Amino acid sequence: VAETFEQARAAAQLVKPTYEAEQGSYDLASAMPKAVVPKASNGN
């Protein structure tokens, strides 16, 4: 949060995160065998 949009945007680029990344799942076809029956919603 800054006085101007440009200052906030520029300062946001200075934030430096460090991650511990994990292998994710991003493909629906590969995930189909583990898909579950979803909860009913609004009586549906």
PDB file of all heavy atoms in Angstrom:
ATOM      1  N   VAL A   1       0.856  -1.185   0.000  1.00  0.00           N
ATOM      2  CA  VAL A   1       0.000   0.000   0.000  1.00  0.00           C
ATOM      3  C   VAL A   1       0.893   1.237   0.000  1.00  0.00           C
ATOM      4  O   VAL A   1       1.828   1.340   0.804  1.00  0.00           O
ATOM      5  CB  VAL A   1      -0.932   0.018   1.228  1.00  0.00           C
ATOM      6  CG1 VAL A   1      -1.872   1.215   1.165  1.00  0.00           C
ATOM      7  CG2 VAL A   1      -1.719  -1.273   1.330  1.00  0.00           C
ATOM      8  N   ALA A   2       0.605   2.156  -0.909  1.00  0.00           N
ATOM      9  CA  ALA A   2       1.432   3.358  -1.040  1.00  0.00           C
ATOM     10  C   ALA A   2       0.563   4.552  -1.374  1.00  0.00           C
ATOM     11  O   ALA A   2      -0.654   4.440  -1.584  1.00  0.00           O
ATOM     12  CB  ALA A   2       2.498   3.136  -2.110  1.00  0.00           C
ATOM     13  N   GLU A   3       1.207   5.707  -1.459  1.00  0.00           N
ATOM     14  CA  GLU A   3       0.487   6.947  -1.748  1.00  0.00           C
ATOM     15  C   GLU A   3      -0.066   6.975  -3.169  1.00  0.00           C
ATOM     16  O   GLU A   3      -1.106   7.578  -3.421  1.00  0.00           O
ATOM     17  CB  GLU A   3       1.403   8.155  -1.523  1.00  0.00           C
ATOM     18  CG  GLU A   3       1.781   8.391  -0.074  1.00  0.00           C
ATOM     19  CD  GLU A   3       0.616   8.889   0.768  1.00  0.00           C
ATOM     20  OE1 GLU A   3      -0.441   9.236   0.195  1.00  0.00           O
ATOM     21  OE2 GLU A   3       0.758   8.935   2.002  1.00  0.00           O
ATOM     22  N   THR A   4       0.641   6.345  -4.105  1.00  0.00           N
ATOM     23  CA  THR A   4       0.179   6.315  -5.487  1.00  0.00           C
ATOM     24  C   THR A   4       0.193   4.880  -6.001  1.00  0.00           C
ATOM     25  O   THR A   4       0.892   4.012  -5.455  1.00  0.00           O
ATOM     26  CB  THR A   4       1.066   7.173  -6.406  1.00  0.00           C
ATOM     27  OG1 THR A   4       2.349   6.536  -6.551  1.00  0.00           O
ATOM     28  CG2 THR A   4       1.230   8.580  -5.858  1.00  0.00           C
ATOM     29  N   PHE A   5      -0.567   4.676  -7.065  1.00  0.00           N
ATOM     30  CA  PHE A   5      -0.585   3.350  -7.683  1.00  0.00           C
ATOM     31  C   PHE A   5       0.804   2.968  -8.185  1.00  0.00           C
ATOM     32  O   PHE A   5       1.254   1.832  -8.009  1.00  0.00           O
ATOM     33  CB  PHE A   5      -1.589   3.341  -8.831  1.00  0.00           C
ATOM     34  CG  PHE A   5      -1.528   2.091  -9.685  1.00  0.00           C
ATOM     35  CD1 PHE A   5      -2.149   0.924  -9.262  1.00  0.00           C
ATOM     36  CD2 PHE A   5      -0.846   2.085 -10.884  1.00  0.00           C
ATOM     37  CE1 PHE A   5      -2.085  -0.228 -10.036  1.00  0.00           C
ATOM     38  CE2 PHE A   5      -0.779   0.943 -11.662  1.00  0.00           C
ATOM     39  CZ  PHE A   5      -1.396  -0.221 -11.233  1.00  0.00           C
ATOM     40  N   GLU A   6       1.484   3.917  -8.809  1.00  0.00           N
ATOM     41  CA  GLU A   6       2.803   3.616  -9.374  1.00  0.00           C
ATOM     42  C   GLU A   6       3.796   3.240  -8.284  1.00  0.00           C
ATOM     43  O   GLU A   6       4.619   2.327  -8.466  1.00  0.00           O
ATOM     44  CB  GLU A   6       3.306   4.823 -10.166  1.00  0.00           C
ATOM     45  CG  GLU A   6       2.522   5.115 -11.436  1.00  0.00           C
ATOM     46  CD  GLU A   6       1.197   5.819 -11.196  1.00  0.00           C
ATOM     47  OE1 GLU A   6       0.956   6.244 -10.041  1.00  0.00           O
ATOM     48  OE2 GLU A   6       0.409   5.937 -12.159  1.00  0.00           O
ATOM     49  N   GLN A   7       3.737   3.914  -7.143  1.00  0.00           N
ATOM     50  CA  GLN A   7       4.637   3.570  -6.041  1.00  0.00           C
ATOM     51  C   GLN A   7       4.336   2.179  -5.497  1.00  0.00           C
ATOM     52  O   GLN A   7       5.258   1.406  -5.194  1.00  0.00           O
ATOM     53  CB  GLN A   7       4.507   4.618  -4.930  1.00  0.00           C
ATOM     54  CG  GLN A   7       5.091   5.975  -5.285  1.00  0.00           C
ATOM     55  CD  GLN A   7       4.765   7.027  -4.245  1.00  0.00           C
ATOM     56  OE1 GLN A   7       3.733   6.947  -3.559  1.00  0.00           O
ATOM     57  NE2 GLN A   7       5.626   8.036  -4.113  1.00  0.00           N
ATOM     58  N   ALA A   8       3.046   1.860  -5.379  1.00  0.00           N
ATOM     59  CA  ALA A   8       2.680   0.528  -4.874  1.00  0.00           C
ATOM     60  C   ALA A   8       3.128  -0.558  -5.839  1.00  0.00           C
ATOM     61  O   ALA A   8       3.657  -1.600  -5.418  1.00  0.00           O
ATOM     62  CB  ALA A   8       1.170   0.466  -4.649  1.00  0.00           C
ATOM     63  N   ARG A   9       2.932  -0.332  -7.117  1.00  0.00           N
ATOM     64  CA  ARG A   9       3.341  -1.324  -8.116  1.00  0.00           C
ATOM     65  C   ARG A   9       4.857  -1.512  -8.125  1.00  0.00           C
ATOM     66  O   ARG A   9       5.352  -2.654  -8.179  1.00  0.00           O
ATOM     67  CB  ARG A   9       2.860  -0.904  -9.493  1.00  0.00           C
ATOM     68  CG  ARG A   9       3.216  -1.882 -10.611  1.00  0.00           C
ATOM     69  CD  ARG A   9       2.657  -1.432 -11.950  1.00  0.00           C
ATOM     70  NE  ARG A   9       3.161  -0.113 -12.315  1.00  0.00           N
ATOM     71  CZ  ARG A   9       2.763   0.575 -13.383  1.00  0.00           C
ATOM     72  NH1 ARG A   9       1.832   0.085 -14.170  1.00  0.00           N
ATOM     73  NH2 ARG A   9       3.263   1.763 -13.641  1.00  0.00           N
ATOM     74  N   ALA A  10       5.598  -0.413  -8.063  1.00  0.00           N
ATOM     75  CA  ALA A  10       7.058  -0.524  -8.076  1.00  0.00           C
ATOM     76  C   ALA A  10       7.564  -1.242  -6.834  1.00  0.00           C
ATOM     77  O   ALA A  10       8.458  -2.104  -6.908  1.00  0.00           O
ATOM     78  CB  ALA A  10       7.678   0.868  -8.182  1.00  0.00           C
ATOM     79  N   ALA A  11       6.997  -0.913  -5.675  1.00  0.00           N
ATOM     80  CA  ALA A  11       7.442  -1.551  -4.437  1.00  0.00           C
ATOM     81  C   ALA A  11       7.081  -3.029  -4.402  1.00  0.00           C
ATOM     82  O   ALA A  11       7.810  -3.844  -3.812  1.00  0.00           O
ATOM     83  CB  ALA A  11       6.836  -0.829  -3.242  1.00  0.00           C
ATOM     84  N   ALA A  12       5.962  -3.388  -5.033  1.00  0.00           N
ATOM     85  CA  ALA A  12       5.570  -4.801  -5.061  1.00  0.00           C
ATOM     86  C   ALA A  12       6.630  -5.657  -5.743  1.00  0.00           C
ATOM     87  O   ALA A  12       6.812  -6.832  -5.394  1.00  0.00           O
ATOM     88  CB  ALA A  12       4.228  -4.956  -5.759  1.00  0.00           C
ATOM     89  N   GLN A  13       7.343  -5.055  -6.710  1.00  0.00           N
ATOM     90  CA  GLN A  13       8.399  -5.802  -7.394  1.00  0.00           C
ATOM     91  C   GLN A  13       9.598  -6.063  -6.488  1.00  0.00           C
ATOM     92  O   GLN A  13      10.453  -6.895  -6.807  1.00  0.00           O
ATOM     93  CB  GLN A  13       8.847  -5.036  -8.644  1.00  0.00           C
ATOM     94  CG  GLN A  13       7.722  -4.644  -9.588  1.00  0.00           C
ATOM     95  CD  GLN A  13       6.875  -5.822 -10.016  1.00  0.00           C
ATOM     96  OE1 GLN A  13       7.412  -6.850 -10.420  1.00  0.00           O
ATOM     97  NE2 GLN A  13       5.561  -5.678  -9.922  1.00  0.00           N
ATOM     98  N   LEU A  14       9.676  -5.344  -5.373  1.00  0.00           N
ATOM     99  CA  LEU A  14      10.805  -5.491  -4.456  1.00  0.00           C
ATOM    100  C   LEU A  14      10.569  -6.569  -3.404  1.00  0.00           C
ATOM    101  O   LEU A  14      11.495  -6.912  -2.657  1.00  0.00           O
ATOM    102  CB  LEU A  14      11.084  -4.154  -3.760  1.00  0.00           C
ATOM    103  CG  LEU A  14      11.399  -2.967  -4.697  1.00  0.00           C
ATOM    104  CD1 LEU A  14      11.573  -1.691  -3.882  1.00  0.00           C
ATOM    105  CD2 LEU A  14      12.629  -3.256  -5.542  1.00  0.00           C
ATOM    106  N   VAL A  15       9.342  -7.073  -3.305  1.00  0.00           N
ATOM    107  CA  VAL A  15       9.053  -8.158  -2.366  1.00  0.00           C
ATOM    108  C   VAL A  15       9.684  -9.441  -2.895  1.00  0.00           C
ATOM    109  O   VAL A  15       9.452  -9.827  -4.049  1.00  0.00           O
ATOM    110  CB  VAL A  15       7.536  -8.328  -2.170  1.00  0.00           C
ATOM    111  CG1 VAL A  15       7.237  -9.533  -1.285  1.00  0.00           C
ATOM    112  CG2 VAL A  15       6.924  -7.063  -1.583  1.00  0.00           C
ATOM    113  N   LYS A  16      10.482 -10.098  -2.077  1.00  0.00           N
ATOM    114  CA  LYS A  16      11.243 -11.266  -2.510  1.00  0.00           C
ATOM    115  C   LYS A  16      10.804 -12.523  -1.748  1.00  0.00           C
ATOM    116  O   LYS A  16      11.185 -12.719  -0.593  1.00  0.00           O
ATOM    117  CB  LYS A  16      12.746 -11.048  -2.301  1.00  0.00           C
ATOM    118  CG  LYS A  16      13.307  -9.823  -3.030  1.00  0.00           C
ATOM    119  CD  LYS A  16      13.095  -9.932  -4.544  1.00  0.00           C
ATOM    120  CE  LYS A  16      13.641  -8.712  -5.273  1.00  0.00           C
ATOM    121  NZ  LYS A  16      13.312  -8.750  -6.728  1.00  0.00           N
ATOM    122  N   PRO A  17      10.002 -13.361  -2.365  1.00  0.00           N
ATOM    123  CA  PRO A  17       9.588 -14.604  -1.714  1.00  0.00           C
ATOM    124  C   PRO A  17      10.610 -15.722  -1.916  1.00  0.00           C
ATOM    125  O   PRO A  17      11.338 -15.744  -2.912  1.00  0.00           O
ATOM    126  CB  PRO A  17       8.273 -14.945  -2.415  1.00  0.00           C
ATOM    127  CG  PRO A  17       8.426 -14.352  -3.780  1.00  0.00           C
ATOM    128  CD  PRO A  17       9.301 -13.145  -3.638  1.00  0.00           C
ATOM    129  N   THR A  18      10.634 -16.632  -0.965  1.00  0.00           N
ATOM    130  CA  THR A  18      11.412 -17.863  -1.091  1.00  0.00           C
ATOM    131  C   THR A  18      10.443 -19.032  -0.925  1.00  0.00           C
ATOM    132  O   THR A  18       9.688 -19.077   0.061  1.00  0.00           O
ATOM    133  CB  THR A  18      12.512 -17.947  -0.025  1.00  0.00           C
ATOM    134  OG1 THR A  18      13.382 -16.821  -0.170  1.00  0.00           O
ATOM    135  CG2 THR A  18      13.313 -19.242  -0.183  1.00  0.00           C
ATOM    136  N   TYR A  19      10.467 -19.941  -1.889  1.00  0.00           N
ATOM    137  CA  TYR A  19       9.503 -21.045  -1.885  1.00  0.00           C
ATOM    138  C   TYR A  19      10.188 -22.384  -1.658  1.00  0.00           C
ATOM    139  O   TYR A  19      11.362 -22.573  -1.990  1.00  0.00           O
ATOM    140  CB  TYR A  19       8.771 -21.122  -3.230  1.00  0.00           C
ATOM    141  CG  TYR A  19       8.056 -19.865  -3.645  1.00  0.00           C
ATOM    142  CD1 TYR A  19       8.564 -19.066  -4.676  1.00  0.00           C
ATOM    143  CD2 TYR A  19       6.866 -19.479  -3.038  1.00  0.00           C
ATOM    144  CE1 TYR A  19       7.905 -17.915  -5.084  1.00  0.00           C
ATOM    145  CE2 TYR A  19       6.200 -18.328  -3.437  1.00  0.00           C
ATOM    146  CZ  TYR A  19       6.730 -17.550  -4.466  1.00  0.00           C
ATOM    147  OH  TYR A  19       6.081 -16.415  -4.868  1.00  0.00           O
ATOM    148  N   GLU A  20       9.434 -23.292  -1.111  1.00  0.00           N
ATOM    149  CA  GLU A  20       9.779 -24.706  -1.136  1.00  0.00           C
ATOM    150  C   GLU A  20       8.721 -25.373  -2.007  1.00  0.00           C
ATOM    151  O   GLU A  20       7.628 -25.685  -1.553  1.00  0.00           O
ATOM    152  CB  GLU A  20       9.790 -25.294   0.274  1.00  0.00           C
ATOM    153  CG  GLU A  20      10.912 -24.750   1.153  1.00  0.00           C
ATOM    154  CD  GLU A  20      10.873 -25.312   2.563  1.00  0.00           C
ATOM    155  OE1 GLU A  20       9.951 -26.125   2.859  1.00  0.00           O
ATOM    156  OE2 GLU A  20      11.739 -24.942   3.369  1.00  0.00           O
ATOM    157  N   ALA A  21       9.046 -25.520  -3.266  1.00  0.00           N
ATOM    158  CA  ALA A  21       8.063 -26.003  -4.238  1.00  0.00           C
ATOM    159  C   ALA A  21       7.877 -27.505  -4.143  1.00  0.00           C
ATOM    160  O   ALA A  21       8.816 -28.250  -3.820  1.00  0.00           O
ATOM    161  CB  ALA A  21       8.497 -25.614  -5.644  1.00  0.00           C
ATOM    162  N   GLU A  22       6.667 -27.945  -4.433  1.00  0.00           N
ATOM    163  CA  GLU A  22       6.330 -29.363  -4.488  1.00  0.00           C
ATOM    164  C   GLU A  22       5.771 -29.690  -5.862  1.00  0.00           C
ATOM    165  O   GLU A  22       5.291 -28.809  -6.577  1.00  0.00           O
ATOM    166  CB  GLU A  22       5.296 -29.714  -3.414  1.00  0.00           C
ATOM    167  CG  GLU A  22       5.736 -29.431  -1.992  1.00  0.00           C
ATOM    168  CD  GLU A  22       4.623 -29.682  -0.995  1.00  0.00           C
ATOM    169  OE1 GLU A  22       3.644 -30.393  -1.362  1.00  0.00           O
ATOM    170  OE2 GLU A  22       4.698 -29.159   0.128  1.00  0.00           O
ATOM    171  N   GLN A  23       5.817 -30.958  -6.216  1.00  0.00           N
ATOM    172  CA  GLN A  23       5.236 -31.381  -7.481  1.00  0.00           C
ATOM    173  C   GLN A  23       3.719 -31.321  -7.390  1.00  0.00           C
ATOM    174  O   GLN A  23       3.116 -31.882  -6.472  1.00  0.00           O
ATOM    175  CB  GLN A  23       5.673 -32.815  -7.816  1.00  0.00           C
ATOM    176  CG  GLN A  23       5.142 -33.333  -9.142  1.00  0.00           C
ATOM    177  CD  GLN A  23       5.636 -32.512 -10.326  1.00  0.00           C
ATOM    178  OE1 GLN A  23       6.823 -32.195 -10.407  1.00  0.00           O
ATOM    179  NE2 GLN A  23       4.737 -32.156 -11.223  1.00  0.00           N
ATOM    180  N   GLY A  24       3.114 -30.634  -8.336  1.00  0.00           N
ATOM    181  CA  GLY A  24       1.668 -30.495  -8.317  1.00  0.00           C
ATOM    182  C   GLY A  24       0.984 -31.357  -9.365  1.00  0.00           C
ATOM    183  O   GLY A  24       1.623 -32.006 -10.195  1.00  0.00           O
ATOM    184  N   SER A  25      -0.346 -31.333  -9.314  1.00  0.00           N
ATOM    185  CA  SER A  25      -1.175 -32.069 -10.269  1.00  0.00           C
ATOM    186  C   SER A  25      -1.989 -31.054 -11.052  1.00  0.00           C
ATOM    187  O   SER A  25      -2.754 -30.279 -10.471  1.00  0.00           O
ATOM    188  CB  SER A  25      -2.099 -33.037  -9.526  1.00  0.00           C
ATOM    189  OG  SER A  25      -2.970 -33.697 -10.418  1.00  0.00           O
ATOM    190  N   TYR A  26      -1.815 -31.043 -12.371  1.00  0.00           N
ATOM    191  CA  TYR A  26      -2.412 -30.000 -13.196  1.00  0.00           C
ATOM    192  C   TYR A  26      -3.200 -30.535 -14.391  1.00  0.00           C
ATOM    193  O   TYR A  26      -3.667 -29.748 -15.207  1.00  0.00           O
ATOM    194  CB  TYR A  26      -1.322 -29.053 -13.708  1.00  0.00           C
ATOM    195  CG  TYR A  26      -0.333 -28.618 -12.651  1.00  0.00           C
ATOM    196  CD1 TYR A  26       1.018 -28.919 -12.770  1.00  0.00           C
ATOM    197  CD2 TYR A  26      -0.757 -27.928 -11.523  1.00  0.00           C
ATOM    198  CE1 TYR A  26       1.929 -28.524 -11.795  1.00  0.00           C
ATOM    199  CE2 TYR A  26       0.141 -27.538 -10.538  1.00  0.00           C
ATOM    200  CZ  TYR A  26       1.483 -27.838 -10.675  1.00  0.00           C
ATOM    201  OH  TYR A  26       2.378 -27.460  -9.706  1.00  0.00           O
ATOM    202  N   ASP A  27      -3.367 -31.843 -14.497  1.00  0.00           N
ATOM    203  CA  ASP A  27      -3.988 -32.432 -15.681  1.00  0.00           C
ATOM    204  C   ASP A  27      -5.227 -33.221 -15.279  1.00  0.00           C
ATOM    205  O   ASP A  27      -5.136 -34.178 -14.494  1.00  0.00           O
ATOM    206  CB  ASP A  27      -2.987 -33.344 -16.392  1.00  0.00           C
ATOM    207  CG  ASP A  27      -3.582 -33.978 -17.625  1.00  0.00           C
ATOM    208  OD1 ASP A  27      -3.980 -33.235 -18.551  1.00  0.00           O
ATOM    209  OD2 ASP A  27      -3.676 -35.223 -17.663  1.00  0.00           O
ATOM    210  N   LEU A  28      -6.380 -32.816 -15.810  1.00  0.00           N
ATOM    211  CA  LEU A  28      -7.640 -33.457 -15.432  1.00  0.00           C
ATOM    212  C   LEU A  28      -7.669 -34.918 -15.848  1.00  0.00           C
ATOM    213  O   LEU A  28      -8.112 -35.773 -15.073  1.00  0.00           O
ATOM    214  CB  LEU A  28      -8.814 -32.700 -16.049  1.00  0.00           C
ATOM    215  CG  LEU A  28     -10.209 -33.285 -15.813  1.00  0.00           C
ATOM    216  CD1 LEU A  28     -10.510 -33.422 -14.333  1.00  0.00           C
ATOM    217  CD2 LEU A  28     -11.269 -32.412 -16.498  1.00  0.00           C
ATOM    218  N   ALA A  29      -7.211 -35.235 -17.046  1.00  0.00           N
ATOM    219  CA  ALA A  29      -7.261 -36.626 -17.516  1.00  0.00           C
ATOM    220  C   ALA A  29      -6.480 -37.541 -16.579  1.00  0.00           C
ATOM    221  O   ALA A  29      -6.927 -38.649 -16.257  1.00  0.00           O
ATOM    222  CB  ALA A  29      -6.728 -36.714 -18.938  1.00  0.00           C
ATOM    223  N   SER A  30      -5.324 -37.082 -16.128  1.00  0.00           N
ATOM    224  CA  SER A  30      -4.506 -37.907 -15.232  1.00  0.00           C
ATOM    225  C   SER A  30      -5.152 -38.062 -13.864  1.00  0.00           C
ATOM    226  O   SER A  30      -4.925 -39.063 -13.175  1.00  0.00           O
ATOM    227  CB  SER A  30      -3.117 -37.280 -15.079  1.00  0.00           C
ATOM    228  OG  SER A  30      -2.464 -37.188 -16.328  1.00  0.00           O
ATOM    229  N   ALA A  31      -5.950 -37.069 -13.471  1.00  0.00           N
ATOM    230  CA  ALA A  31      -6.558 -37.094 -12.141  1.00  0.00           C
ATOM    231  C   ALA A  31      -7.906 -37.801 -12.106  1.00  0.00           C
ATOM    232  O   ALA A  31      -8.472 -37.985 -11.019  1.00  0.00           O
ATOM    233  CB  ALA A  31      -6.726 -35.665 -11.634  1.00  0.00           C
ATOM    234  N   MET A  32      -8.413 -38.224 -13.239  1.00  0.00           N
ATOM    235  CA  MET A  32      -9.740 -38.835 -13.274  1.00  0.00           C
ATOM    236  C   MET A  32      -9.888 -40.049 -12.359  1.00  0.00           C
ATOM    237  O   MET A  32     -10.920 -40.197 -11.690  1.00  0.00           O
ATOM    238  CB  MET A  32     -10.109 -39.205 -14.709  1.00  0.00           C
ATOM    239  CG  MET A  32     -10.472 -38.013 -15.575  1.00  0.00           C
ATOM    240  SD  MET A  32     -10.680 -38.439 -17.332  1.00  0.00           S
ATOM    241  CE  MET A  32     -12.088 -39.551 -17.263  1.00  0.00           C
ATOM    242  N   PRO A  33      -8.889 -40.943 -12.273  1.00  0.00           N
ATOM    243  CA  PRO A  33      -9.078 -42.114 -11.406  1.00  0.00           C
ATOM    244  C   PRO A  33      -9.298 -41.766  -9.934  1.00  0.00           C
ATOM    245  O   PRO A  33      -9.898 -42.550  -9.193  1.00  0.00           O
ATOM    246  CB  PRO A  33      -7.772 -42.899 -11.597  1.00  0.00           C
ATOM    247  CG  PRO A  33      -7.269 -42.478 -12.946  1.00  0.00           C
ATOM    248  CD  PRO A  33      -7.643 -41.027 -13.055  1.00  0.00           C
ATOM    249  N   LYS A  34      -8.826 -40.605  -9.495  1.00  0.00           N
ATOM    250  CA  LYS A  34      -8.968 -40.215  -8.095  1.00  0.00           C
ATOM    251  C   LYS A  34     -10.123 -39.239  -7.876  1.00  0.00           C
ATOM    252  O   LYS A  34     -10.316 -38.747  -6.756  1.00  0.00           O
ATOM    253  CB  LYS A  34      -7.665 -39.587  -7.594  1.00  0.00           C
ATOM    254  CG  LYS A  34      -6.483 -40.558  -7.556  1.00  0.00           C
ATOM    255  CD  LYS A  34      -5.242 -39.887  -6.988  1.00  0.00           C
ATOM    256  CE  LYS A  34      -4.076 -40.862  -6.934  1.00  0.00           C
ATOM    257  NZ  LYS A  34      -2.840 -40.223  -6.379  1.00  0.00           N
ATOM    258  N   ALA A  35     -10.877 -38.960  -8.918  1.00  0.00           N
ATOM    259  CA  ALA A  35     -12.001 -38.033  -8.784  1.00  0.00           C
ATOM    260  C   ALA A  35     -13.067 -38.618  -7.861  1.00  0.00           C
ATOM    261  O   ALA A  35     -13.267 -39.835  -7.798  1.00  0.00           O
ATOM    262  CB  ALA A  35     -12.592 -37.728 -10.155  1.00  0.00           C
ATOM    263  N   VAL A  36     -13.760 -37.748  -7.142  1.00  0.00           N
ATOM    264  CA  VAL A  36     -14.741 -38.181  -6.146  1.00  0.00           C
ATOM    265  C   VAL A  36     -16.134 -37.684  -6.520  1.00  0.00           C
ATOM    266  O   VAL A  36     -16.296 -36.786  -7.355  1.00  0.00           O
ATOM    267  CB  VAL A  36     -14.364 -37.665  -4.739  1.00  0.00           C
ATOM    268  CG1 VAL A  36     -12.994 -38.189  -4.338  1.00  0.00           C
ATOM    269  CG2 VAL A  36     -14.395 -36.132  -4.690  1.00  0.00           C
ATOM    270  N   VAL A  37     -17.125 -38.268  -5.879  1.00  0.00           N
ATOM    271  CA  VAL A  37     -18.498 -37.784  -6.032  1.00  0.00           C
ATOM    272  C   VAL A  37     -18.619 -36.479  -5.251  1.00  0.00           C
ATOM    273  O   VAL A  37     -18.391 -36.457  -4.041  1.00  0.00           O
ATOM    274  CB  VAL A  37     -19.521 -38.800  -5.508  1.00  0.00           C
ATOM    275  CG1 VAL A  37     -20.941 -38.271  -5.677  1.00  0.00           C
ATOM    276  CG2 VAL A  37     -19.356 -40.136  -6.207  1.00  0.00           C
ATOM    277  N   PRO A  38     -18.944 -35.369  -5.892  1.00  0.00           N
ATOM    278  CA  PRO A  38     -19.028 -34.093  -5.165  1.00  0.00           C
ATOM    279  C   PRO A  38     -20.256 -34.030  -4.273  1.00  0.00           C
ATOM    280  O   PRO A  38     -21.205 -34.815  -4.405  1.00  0.00           O
ATOM    281  CB  PRO A  38     -19.098 -33.059  -6.291  1.00  0.00           C
ATOM    282  CG  PRO A  38     -19.686 -33.798  -7.445  1.00  0.00           C
ATOM    283  CD  PRO A  38     -19.203 -35.217  -7.329  1.00  0.00           C
ATOM    284  N   LYS A  39     -20.237 -33.073  -3.373  1.00  0.00           N
ATOM    285  CA  LYS A  39     -21.363 -32.874  -2.471  1.00  0.00           C
ATOM    286  C   LYS A  39     -22.548 -32.284  -3.232  1.00  0.00           C
ATOM    287  O   LYS A  39     -22.378 -31.529  -4.182  1.00  0.00           O
ATOM    288  CB  LYS A  39     -20.969 -31.925  -1.335  1.00  0.00           C
ATOM    289  CG  LYS A  39     -19.855 -32.434  -0.434  1.00  0.00           C
ATOM    290  CD  LYS A  39     -19.501 -31.385   0.620  1.00  0.00           C
ATOM    291  CE  LYS A  39     -18.359 -31.868   1.503  1.00  0.00           C
ATOM    292  NZ  LYS A  39     -17.965 -30.825   2.489  1.00  0.00           N
ATOM    293  N   ALA A  40     -23.737 -32.637  -2.784  1.00  0.00           N
ATOM    294  CA  ALA A  40     -24.937 -32.022  -3.349  1.00  0.00           C
ATOM    295  C   ALA A  40     -24.914 -30.530  -3.051  1.00  0.00           C
ATOM    296  O   ALA A  40     -24.429 -30.099  -2.000  1.00  0.00           O
ATOM    297  CB  ALA A  40     -26.184 -32.664  -2.765  1.00  0.00           C
ATOM    298  N   SER A  41     -25.422 -29.734  -3.972  1.00  0.00           N
ATOM    299  CA  SER A  41     -25.406 -28.286  -3.818  1.00  0.00           C
ATOM    300  C   SER A  41     -26.789 -27.731  -4.119  1.00  0.00           C
ATOM    301  O   SER A  41     -27.356 -27.994  -5.181  1.00  0.00           O
ATOM    302  CB  SER A  41     -24.378 -27.668  -4.776  1.00  0.00           C
ATOM    303  OG  SER A  41     -24.407 -26.270  -4.718  1.00  0.00           O
ATOM    304  N   ASN A  42     -27.336 -26.961  -3.159  1.00  0.00           N
ATOM    305  CA  ASN A  42     -28.667 -26.350  -3.335  1.00  0.00           C
ATOM    306  C   ASN A  42     -29.723 -27.382  -3.710  1.00  0.00           C
ATOM    307  O   ASN A  42     -30.595 -27.130  -4.551  1.00  0.00           O
ATOM    308  CB  ASN A  42     -28.607 -25.246  -4.390  1.00  0.00           C
ATOM    309  CG  ASN A  42     -27.687 -24.111  -3.990  1.00  0.00           C
ATOM    310  OD1 ASN A  42     -27.644 -23.728  -2.828  1.00  0.00           O
ATOM    311  ND2 ASN A  42     -26.928 -23.592  -4.945  1.00  0.00           N
ATOM    312  N   GLY A  43     -29.646 -28.551  -3.089  1.00  0.00           N
ATOM    313  CA  GLY A  43     -30.602 -29.609  -3.381  1.00  0.00           C
ATOM    314  C   GLY A  43     -30.355 -30.335  -4.675  1.00  0.00           C
ATOM    315  O   GLY A  43     -31.129 -31.227  -5.054  1.00  0.00           O
ATOM    316  N   ASN A  44     -29.295 -29.997  -5.366  1.00  0.00           N
ATOM    317  CA  ASN A  44     -28.983 -30.601  -6.650  1.00  0.00           C
ATOM    318  C   ASN A  44     -28.033 -31.776  -6.443  1.00  0.00           C
ATOM    319  O   ASN A  44     -26.881 -31.597  -6.012  1.00  0.00           O
ATOM    320  CB  ASN A  44     -28.346 -29.551  -7.568  1.00  0.00           C
ATOM    321  CG  ASN A  44     -27.959 -30.120  -8.911  1.00  0.00           C
ATOM    322  OD1 ASN A  44     -28.740 -30.843  -9.522  1.00  0.00           O
ATOM    323  ND2 ASN A  44     -26.765 -29.805  -9.367  1.00  0.00           N
TER     324      ASN A  44
END
